[in-house]
Amino acid sequence: MSKSSQPLLSPTQFVMNMNESIGNSTTGEAIDRNYLLLQEYFFGPQTENGEHYKLLKEIRHAISTPALQSSLEKKWDDDAYNYDPETYIRVKQVKYACLYIELAKSAEAQNDQNRAWAFINYASIMVGEVVGRSASILSALEANSCAKQKSENGKGRIKNFLPAKEEAARLLVVMKPEGGWPTLASALTALEQPLGDFINANNIGGIKSSNIYALLEKTWIHNDEIVNRAWLNTKRDKNTK
């Protein structure tokens, strides 16, 4: 039976399945899940390669004795001046989440399951906070990236259209009737075919030869500096729009 043809679970069955899944989770699975979330929402997109490993190496050394752990936590507190307040809170949560995950791993290795679960539950709360804070930051970064890409695409189109605009301006000059273009319509009708041929011959993307008349009339003649200047210099009646 395909997924699409499988019957939907009843609310009761769904709850029972979720309870079963959660209730049967091991400490190791909880540890892996938390590290995966930290990698996805913090270390992967927001830090340099190797930062996660460097932090874990530092923590694993420190938890060997309470004195070393205390010294490490003091060092983290002293790092506050390196960050803005919002970033410092998030970075500190990440560090303590990793600390308690490693303590959970150490307790599990010693078969102290109660202690292991206590540490991993505490770590999970911190990981949840990190995910919540990072999700909004990553969404903002994605939005900025999309905006930047659209801007770059727009600049690319402008650069791509430049030869066609220059050709339109040239045609306005070389095809100008004696005394100048009598009307805008007469100029656009005259330019439509040769400009379309130029665009097709030069494979200028983003413009269809069938749209040349409308493009000139609605945009380039009035709003493009190159084409507008050529039009103003070649039209017969200076009051012609």
C-alpha atoms as a PDB file:
ATOM      1  CA  MET A   1       0.000   0.000   0.000  1.00  0.00           C
ATOM      2  CA  SER A   2       1.430   3.401  -1.003  1.00  0.00           C
ATOM      3  CA  LYS A   3       1.678   6.265   1.439  1.00  0.00           C
ATOM      4  CA  SER A   4      -1.114   8.103  -0.329  1.00  0.00           C
ATOM      5  CA  SER A   5      -3.448   5.123   0.087  1.00  0.00           C
ATOM      6  CA  GLN A   6      -2.651   4.433   3.732  1.00  0.00           C
ATOM      7  CA  PRO A   7      -5.554   5.180   6.075  1.00  0.00           C
ATOM      8  CA  LEU A   8      -5.172   8.220   8.325  1.00  0.00           C
ATOM      9  CA  LEU A   9      -4.596   7.505  11.977  1.00  0.00           C
ATOM     10  CA  SER A  10      -7.335   8.393  14.407  1.00  0.00           C
ATOM     11  CA  PRO A  11      -6.425  11.079  16.998  1.00  0.00           C
ATOM     12  CA  THR A  12      -6.284   8.391  19.682  1.00  0.00           C
ATOM     13  CA  GLN A  13      -3.984   6.143  17.651  1.00  0.00           C
ATOM     14  CA  PHE A  14      -1.755   9.108  16.770  1.00  0.00           C
ATOM     15  CA  VAL A  15      -1.349   9.992  20.466  1.00  0.00           C
ATOM     16  CA  MET A  16      -0.639   6.371  21.337  1.00  0.00           C
ATOM     17  CA  ASN A  17       2.021   6.154  18.625  1.00  0.00           C
ATOM     18  CA  MET A  18       3.644   9.400  19.755  1.00  0.00           C
ATOM     19  CA  ASN A  19       3.673   8.250  23.367  1.00  0.00           C
ATOM     20  CA  GLU A  20       5.219   4.976  22.319  1.00  0.00           C
ATOM     21  CA  SER A  21       7.877   6.706  20.218  1.00  0.00           C
ATOM     22  CA  ILE A  22       8.801   9.185  22.937  1.00  0.00           C
ATOM     23  CA  GLY A  23       8.627   6.624  25.728  1.00  0.00           C
ATOM     24  CA  ASN A  24      10.971   4.284  23.917  1.00  0.00           C
ATOM     25  CA  SER A  25      13.575   6.949  23.109  1.00  0.00           C
ATOM     26  CA  THR A  26      16.990   6.180  24.498  1.00  0.00           C
ATOM     27  CA  THR A  27      19.450   8.637  25.993  1.00  0.00           C
ATOM     28  CA  GLY A  28      21.689   8.135  22.982  1.00  0.00           C
ATOM     29  CA  GLU A  29      18.856   9.045  20.605  1.00  0.00           C
ATOM     30  CA  ALA A  30      18.077  12.156  22.635  1.00  0.00           C
ATOM     31  CA  ILE A  31      21.748  13.166  22.553  1.00  0.00           C
ATOM     32  CA  ASP A  32      21.958  12.672  18.782  1.00  0.00           C
ATOM     33  CA  ARG A  33      18.716  14.574  18.227  1.00  0.00           C
ATOM     34  CA  ASN A  34      19.910  17.568  20.239  1.00  0.00           C
ATOM     35  CA  TYR A  35      23.291  17.684  18.526  1.00  0.00           C
ATOM     36  CA  LEU A  36      21.552  17.442  15.143  1.00  0.00           C
ATOM     37  CA  LEU A  37      19.361  20.442  16.004  1.00  0.00           C
ATOM     38  CA  LEU A  38      22.362  22.473  17.144  1.00  0.00           C
ATOM     39  CA  GLN A  39      24.201  21.605  13.942  1.00  0.00           C
ATOM     40  CA  GLU A  40      21.206  22.519  11.773  1.00  0.00           C
ATOM     41  CA  TYR A  41      20.271  25.775  13.486  1.00  0.00           C
ATOM     42  CA  PHE A  42      23.553  27.085  14.842  1.00  0.00           C
ATOM     43  CA  PHE A  43      26.885  25.466  14.018  1.00  0.00           C
ATOM     44  CA  GLY A  44      26.163  24.697  10.351  1.00  0.00           C
ATOM     45  CA  PRO A  45      24.827  28.054   9.136  1.00  0.00           C
ATOM     46  CA  GLN A  46      26.316  30.470  11.675  1.00  0.00           C
ATOM     47  CA  THR A  47      29.861  29.395  12.595  1.00  0.00           C
ATOM     48  CA  GLU A  48      33.135  28.579  10.917  1.00  0.00           C
ATOM     49  CA  ASN A  49      34.057  24.978  10.138  1.00  0.00           C
ATOM     50  CA  GLY A  50      35.566  23.257  13.138  1.00  0.00           C
ATOM     51  CA  GLU A  51      33.968  25.489  15.795  1.00  0.00           C
ATOM     52  CA  HIS A  52      31.646  22.694  16.984  1.00  0.00           C
ATOM     53  CA  TYR A  53      34.487  20.210  17.321  1.00  0.00           C
ATOM     54  CA  LYS A  54      36.685  22.778  19.073  1.00  0.00           C
ATOM     55  CA  LEU A  55      33.953  23.501  21.634  1.00  0.00           C
ATOM     56  CA  LEU A  56      33.282  19.811  22.290  1.00  0.00           C
ATOM     57  CA  LYS A  57      36.982  19.087  22.744  1.00  0.00           C
ATOM     58  CA  GLU A  58      37.178  21.912  25.280  1.00  0.00           C
ATOM     59  CA  ILE A  59      34.110  20.661  27.158  1.00  0.00           C
ATOM     60  CA  ARG A  60      35.191  17.012  27.212  1.00  0.00           C
ATOM     61  CA  HIS A  61      38.471  18.004  28.804  1.00  0.00           C
ATOM     62  CA  ALA A  62      36.778  20.280  31.346  1.00  0.00           C
ATOM     63  CA  ILE A  63      34.178  17.825  32.654  1.00  0.00           C
ATOM     64  CA  SER A  64      36.890  15.489  33.879  1.00  0.00           C
ATOM     65  CA  THR A  65      37.008  17.476  37.150  1.00  0.00           C
ATOM     66  CA  PRO A  66      34.686  20.038  38.785  1.00  0.00           C
ATOM     67  CA  ALA A  67      37.562  22.537  38.995  1.00  0.00           C
ATOM     68  CA  LEU A  68      38.192  22.456  35.259  1.00  0.00           C
ATOM     69  CA  GLN A  69      34.475  22.735  34.534  1.00  0.00           C
ATOM     70  CA  SER A  70      34.210  25.725  36.855  1.00  0.00           C
ATOM     71  CA  SER A  71      37.158  27.366  35.124  1.00  0.00           C
ATOM     72  CA  LEU A  72      35.583  26.816  31.702  1.00  0.00           C
ATOM     73  CA  GLU A  73      32.240  28.286  32.768  1.00  0.00           C
ATOM     74  CA  LYS A  74      34.026  31.343  34.178  1.00  0.00           C
ATOM     75  CA  LYS A  75      35.785  31.752  30.846  1.00  0.00           C
ATOM     76  CA  TRP A  76      32.406  31.708  29.085  1.00  0.00           C
ATOM     77  CA  ASP A  77      31.115  34.389  31.419  1.00  0.00           C
ATOM     78  CA  ASP A  78      34.167  36.539  30.709  1.00  0.00           C
ATOM     79  CA  ASP A  79      33.495  36.254  26.956  1.00  0.00           C
ATOM     80  CA  ALA A  80      30.412  38.471  27.263  1.00  0.00           C
ATOM     81  CA  TYR A  81      32.248  41.575  26.058  1.00  0.00           C
ATOM     82  CA  ASN A  82      32.986  39.854  22.705  1.00  0.00           C
ATOM     83  CA  TYR A  83      29.308  39.820  21.687  1.00  0.00           C
ATOM     84  CA  ASP A  84      26.276  42.031  21.573  1.00  0.00           C
ATOM     85  CA  PRO A  85      23.785  41.091  24.356  1.00  0.00           C
ATOM     86  CA  GLU A  86      21.408  39.112  22.111  1.00  0.00           C
ATOM     87  CA  THR A  87      24.189  37.097  20.481  1.00  0.00           C
ATOM     88  CA  TYR A  88      25.874  36.462  23.828  1.00  0.00           C
ATOM     89  CA  ILE A  89      22.682  34.917  25.265  1.00  0.00           C
ATOM     90  CA  ARG A  90      22.371  32.583  22.287  1.00  0.00           C
ATOM     91  CA  VAL A  91      26.054  31.611  22.245  1.00  0.00           C
ATOM     92  CA  LYS A  92      26.012  30.948  25.983  1.00  0.00           C
ATOM     93  CA  GLN A  93      22.915  28.753  25.622  1.00  0.00           C
ATOM     94  CA  VAL A  94      24.668  26.770  22.898  1.00  0.00           C
ATOM     95  CA  LYS A  95      27.748  26.258  25.053  1.00  0.00           C
ATOM     96  CA  TYR A  96      25.756  25.135  28.080  1.00  0.00           C
ATOM     97  CA  ALA A  97      23.569  22.895  25.928  1.00  0.00           C
ATOM     98  CA  CYS A  98      26.709  21.177  24.647  1.00  0.00           C
ATOM     99  CA  LEU A  99      28.083  21.006  28.199  1.00  0.00           C
ATOM    100  CA  TYR A 100      25.024  19.192  29.544  1.00  0.00           C
ATOM    101  CA  ILE A 101      24.816  16.925  26.517  1.00  0.00           C
ATOM    102  CA  GLU A 102      28.394  15.857  27.158  1.00  0.00           C
ATOM    103  CA  LEU A 103      27.619  15.351  30.837  1.00  0.00           C
ATOM    104  CA  ALA A 104      24.685  13.163  29.762  1.00  0.00           C
ATOM    105  CA  LYS A 105      26.999  11.120  27.548  1.00  0.00           C
ATOM    106  CA  SER A 106      29.458  10.729  30.406  1.00  0.00           C
ATOM    107  CA  ALA A 107      26.713   9.603  32.804  1.00  0.00           C
ATOM    108  CA  GLU A 108      25.365   7.133  30.242  1.00  0.00           C
ATOM    109  CA  ALA A 109      28.846   5.689  29.787  1.00  0.00           C
ATOM    110  CA  GLN A 110      28.858   5.041  33.533  1.00  0.00           C
ATOM    111  CA  ASN A 111      25.390   3.396  33.308  1.00  0.00           C
ATOM    112  CA  ASP A 112      23.877   6.162  35.446  1.00  0.00           C
ATOM    113  CA  GLN A 113      20.661   6.507  33.428  1.00  0.00           C
ATOM    114  CA  ASN A 114      18.845   8.741  35.881  1.00  0.00           C
ATOM    115  CA  ARG A 115      21.672  11.244  35.876  1.00  0.00           C
ATOM    116  CA  ALA A 116      22.008  10.963  32.089  1.00  0.00           C
ATOM    117  CA  TRP A 117      18.297  11.730  31.565  1.00  0.00           C
ATOM    118  CA  ALA A 118      18.463  14.656  33.971  1.00  0.00           C
ATOM    119  CA  PHE A 119      21.322  16.204  32.020  1.00  0.00           C
ATOM    120  CA  ILE A 120      19.800  15.582  28.586  1.00  0.00           C
ATOM    121  CA  ASN A 121      16.422  16.986  29.648  1.00  0.00           C
ATOM    122  CA  TYR A 122      18.108  20.149  30.888  1.00  0.00           C
ATOM    123  CA  ALA A 123      20.090  20.360  27.640  1.00  0.00           C
ATOM    124  CA  SER A 124      16.910  19.896  25.580  1.00  0.00           C
ATOM    125  CA  ILE A 125      15.359  22.998  27.129  1.00  0.00           C
ATOM    126  CA  MET A 126      18.407  25.039  26.123  1.00  0.00           C
ATOM    127  CA  VAL A 127      18.456  23.558  22.629  1.00  0.00           C
ATOM    128  CA  GLY A 128      14.806  24.533  22.231  1.00  0.00           C
ATOM    129  CA  GLU A 129      15.687  28.109  23.159  1.00  0.00           C
ATOM    130  CA  VAL A 130      18.571  28.125  20.678  1.00  0.00           C
ATOM    131  CA  VAL A 131      16.375  26.768  17.889  1.00  0.00           C
ATOM    132  CA  GLY A 132      13.711  29.405  18.551  1.00  0.00           C
ATOM    133  CA  ARG A 133      16.194  32.286  18.541  1.00  0.00           C
ATOM    134  CA  SER A 134      18.160  30.979  15.567  1.00  0.00           C
ATOM    135  CA  ALA A 135      15.087  30.249  13.442  1.00  0.00           C
ATOM    136  CA  SER A 136      14.118  33.926  13.395  1.00  0.00           C
ATOM    137  CA  ILE A 137      17.700  34.966  12.611  1.00  0.00           C
ATOM    138  CA  LEU A 138      18.009  32.452   9.774  1.00  0.00           C
ATOM    139  CA  SER A 139      14.656  33.585   8.355  1.00  0.00           C
ATOM    140  CA  ALA A 140      15.901  37.175   8.312  1.00  0.00           C
ATOM    141  CA  LEU A 141      19.162  36.109   6.656  1.00  0.00           C
ATOM    142  CA  GLU A 142      17.223  34.169   4.032  1.00  0.00           C
ATOM    143  CA  ALA A 143      14.988  37.170   3.348  1.00  0.00           C
ATOM    144  CA  ASN A 144      18.039  39.416   2.959  1.00  0.00           C
ATOM    145  CA  SER A 145      19.663  36.879   0.674  1.00  0.00           C
ATOM    146  CA  CYS A 146      16.550  36.728  -1.526  1.00  0.00           C
ATOM    147  CA  ALA A 147      16.397  40.514  -1.689  1.00  0.00           C
ATOM    148  CA  LYS A 148      20.076  40.678  -2.630  1.00  0.00           C
ATOM    149  CA  GLN A 149      19.586  38.021  -5.297  1.00  0.00           C
ATOM    150  CA  LYS A 150      16.644  39.919  -6.775  1.00  0.00           C
ATOM    151  CA  SER A 151      18.744  43.063  -6.833  1.00  0.00           C
ATOM    152  CA  GLU A 152      21.597  41.234  -8.571  1.00  0.00           C
ATOM    153  CA  ASN A 153      19.131  39.742 -11.065  1.00  0.00           C
ATOM    154  CA  GLY A 154      17.762  43.210 -11.746  1.00  0.00           C
ATOM    155  CA  LYS A 155      21.256  44.592 -12.340  1.00  0.00           C
ATOM    156  CA  GLY A 156      21.936  41.662 -14.649  1.00  0.00           C
ATOM    157  CA  ARG A 157      18.827  42.387 -16.688  1.00  0.00           C
ATOM    158  CA  ILE A 158      19.726  46.082 -16.956  1.00  0.00           C
ATOM    159  CA  LYS A 159      23.206  45.197 -18.204  1.00  0.00           C
ATOM    160  CA  ASN A 160      21.742  42.621 -20.584  1.00  0.00           C
ATOM    161  CA  PHE A 161      19.303  45.167 -22.085  1.00  0.00           C
ATOM    162  CA  LEU A 162      21.959  47.856 -22.614  1.00  0.00           C
ATOM    163  CA  PRO A 163      22.917  46.848 -26.199  1.00  0.00           C
ATOM    164  CA  ALA A 164      19.240  46.902 -27.222  1.00  0.00           C
ATOM    165  CA  LYS A 165      18.735  50.335 -25.667  1.00  0.00           C
ATOM    166  CA  GLU A 166      21.822  51.692 -27.403  1.00  0.00           C
ATOM    167  CA  GLU A 167      20.570  50.264 -30.697  1.00  0.00           C
ATOM    168  CA  ALA A 168      17.147  51.861 -30.170  1.00  0.00           C
ATOM    169  CA  ALA A 169      18.833  55.220 -29.595  1.00  0.00           C
ATOM    170  CA  ARG A 170      21.008  54.746 -32.695  1.00  0.00           C
ATOM    171  CA  LEU A 171      18.015  53.846 -34.846  1.00  0.00           C
ATOM    172  CA  LEU A 172      16.116  56.916 -33.656  1.00  0.00           C
ATOM    173  CA  VAL A 173      18.985  59.014 -34.959  1.00  0.00           C
ATOM    174  CA  VAL A 174      19.851  57.243 -38.233  1.00  0.00           C
ATOM    175  CA  MET A 175      16.231  56.591 -39.263  1.00  0.00           C
ATOM    176  CA  LYS A 176      14.974  60.059 -38.344  1.00  0.00           C
ATOM    177  CA  PRO A 177      12.939  61.596 -41.161  1.00  0.00           C
ATOM    178  CA  GLU A 178      13.856  65.058 -42.440  1.00  0.00           C
ATOM    179  CA  GLY A 179      12.709  67.515 -39.800  1.00  0.00           C
ATOM    180  CA  GLY A 180      12.454  64.865 -37.115  1.00  0.00           C
ATOM    181  CA  TRP A 181       9.934  62.251 -36.043  1.00  0.00           C
ATOM    182  CA  PRO A 182       6.441  63.724 -36.439  1.00  0.00           C
ATOM    183  CA  THR A 183       4.838  61.510 -33.790  1.00  0.00           C
ATOM    184  CA  LEU A 184       5.875  58.954 -31.248  1.00  0.00           C
ATOM    185  CA  ALA A 185       3.788  56.321 -33.008  1.00  0.00           C
ATOM    186  CA  SER A 186       5.659  56.899 -36.273  1.00  0.00           C
ATOM    187  CA  ALA A 187       9.001  56.434 -34.515  1.00  0.00           C
ATOM    188  CA  LEU A 188       7.925  53.277 -32.705  1.00  0.00           C
ATOM    189  CA  THR A 189       6.468  51.736 -35.859  1.00  0.00           C
ATOM    190  CA  ALA A 190       9.690  52.419 -37.757  1.00  0.00           C
ATOM    191  CA  LEU A 191      11.921  51.001 -35.010  1.00  0.00           C
ATOM    192  CA  GLU A 192       9.879  47.901 -34.246  1.00  0.00           C
ATOM    193  CA  GLN A 193      11.186  45.638 -37.036  1.00  0.00           C
ATOM    194  CA  PRO A 194      14.894  46.568 -37.142  1.00  0.00           C
ATOM    195  CA  LEU A 195      15.198  46.637 -33.358  1.00  0.00           C
ATOM    196  CA  GLY A 196      13.467  43.261 -33.135  1.00  0.00           C
ATOM    197  CA  ASP A 197      15.899  41.862 -35.734  1.00  0.00           C
ATOM    198  CA  PHE A 198      18.835  43.234 -33.713  1.00  0.00           C
ATOM    199  CA  ILE A 199      17.561  41.603 -30.503  1.00  0.00           C
ATOM    200  CA  ASN A 200      17.069  38.238 -32.210  1.00  0.00           C
ATOM    201  CA  ALA A 201      20.435  38.370 -33.979  1.00  0.00           C
ATOM    202  CA  ASN A 202      22.268  39.133 -30.745  1.00  0.00           C
ATOM    203  CA  ASN A 203      20.309  36.674 -28.601  1.00  0.00           C
ATOM    204  CA  ILE A 204      19.360  39.307 -26.041  1.00  0.00           C
ATOM    205  CA  GLY A 205      17.341  37.442 -23.443  1.00  0.00           C
ATOM    206  CA  GLY A 206      14.394  38.838 -21.516  1.00  0.00           C
ATOM    207  CA  ILE A 207      12.955  40.741 -24.497  1.00  0.00           C
ATOM    208  CA  LYS A 208      10.607  39.376 -27.138  1.00  0.00           C
ATOM    209  CA  SER A 209      10.633  41.038 -30.537  1.00  0.00           C
ATOM    210  CA  SER A 210       6.828  41.007 -30.405  1.00  0.00           C
ATOM    211  CA  ASN A 211       6.935  43.251 -27.323  1.00  0.00           C
ATOM    212  CA  ILE A 212       9.272  45.899 -28.742  1.00  0.00           C
ATOM    213  CA  TYR A 213       6.584  48.476 -29.500  1.00  0.00           C
ATOM    214  CA  ALA A 214       5.027  48.281 -26.031  1.00  0.00           C
ATOM    215  CA  LEU A 215       8.430  48.233 -24.318  1.00  0.00           C
ATOM    216  CA  LEU A 216       9.532  51.368 -26.129  1.00  0.00           C
ATOM    217  CA  GLU A 217       6.218  53.164 -25.648  1.00  0.00           C
ATOM    218  CA  LYS A 218       5.672  52.421 -21.969  1.00  0.00           C
ATOM    219  CA  THR A 219       9.201  52.287 -20.609  1.00  0.00           C
ATOM    220  CA  TRP A 220      12.296  53.042 -22.622  1.00  0.00           C
ATOM    221  CA  ILE A 221      11.211  56.179 -24.510  1.00  0.00           C
ATOM    222  CA  HIS A 222      10.185  57.951 -21.307  1.00  0.00           C
ATOM    223  CA  ASN A 223      12.223  56.350 -18.526  1.00  0.00           C
ATOM    224  CA  ASP A 224      15.527  55.187 -19.975  1.00  0.00           C
ATOM    225  CA  GLU A 225      18.172  57.904 -20.111  1.00  0.00           C
ATOM    226  CA  ILE A 226      19.810  56.673 -23.328  1.00  0.00           C
ATOM    227  CA  VAL A 227      16.635  56.166 -25.370  1.00  0.00           C
ATOM    228  CA  ASN A 228      14.840  59.196 -23.953  1.00  0.00           C
ATOM    229  CA  ARG A 229      17.724  61.511 -24.826  1.00  0.00           C
ATOM    230  CA  ALA A 230      17.783  60.210 -28.406  1.00  0.00           C
ATOM    231  CA  TRP A 231      14.017  60.687 -28.680  1.00  0.00           C
ATOM    232  CA  LEU A 232      14.086  64.242 -27.363  1.00  0.00           C
ATOM    233  CA  ASN A 233      16.843  65.103 -29.865  1.00  0.00           C
ATOM    234  CA  THR A 234      15.121  63.579 -32.887  1.00  0.00           C
ATOM    235  CA  LYS A 235      11.408  64.356 -32.518  1.00  0.00           C
ATOM    236  CA  ARG A 236      10.024  67.097 -34.750  1.00  0.00           C
ATOM    237  CA  ASP A 237       7.598  68.860 -32.432  1.00  0.00           C
ATOM    238  CA  LYS A 238       9.203  69.582 -29.079  1.00  0.00           C
ATOM    239  CA  ASN A 239       5.742  69.317 -27.501  1.00  0.00           C
ATOM    240  CA  THR A 240       5.279  65.783 -28.814  1.00  0.00           C
ATOM    241  CA  LYS A 241       5.151  63.317 -25.918  1.00  0.00           C
END
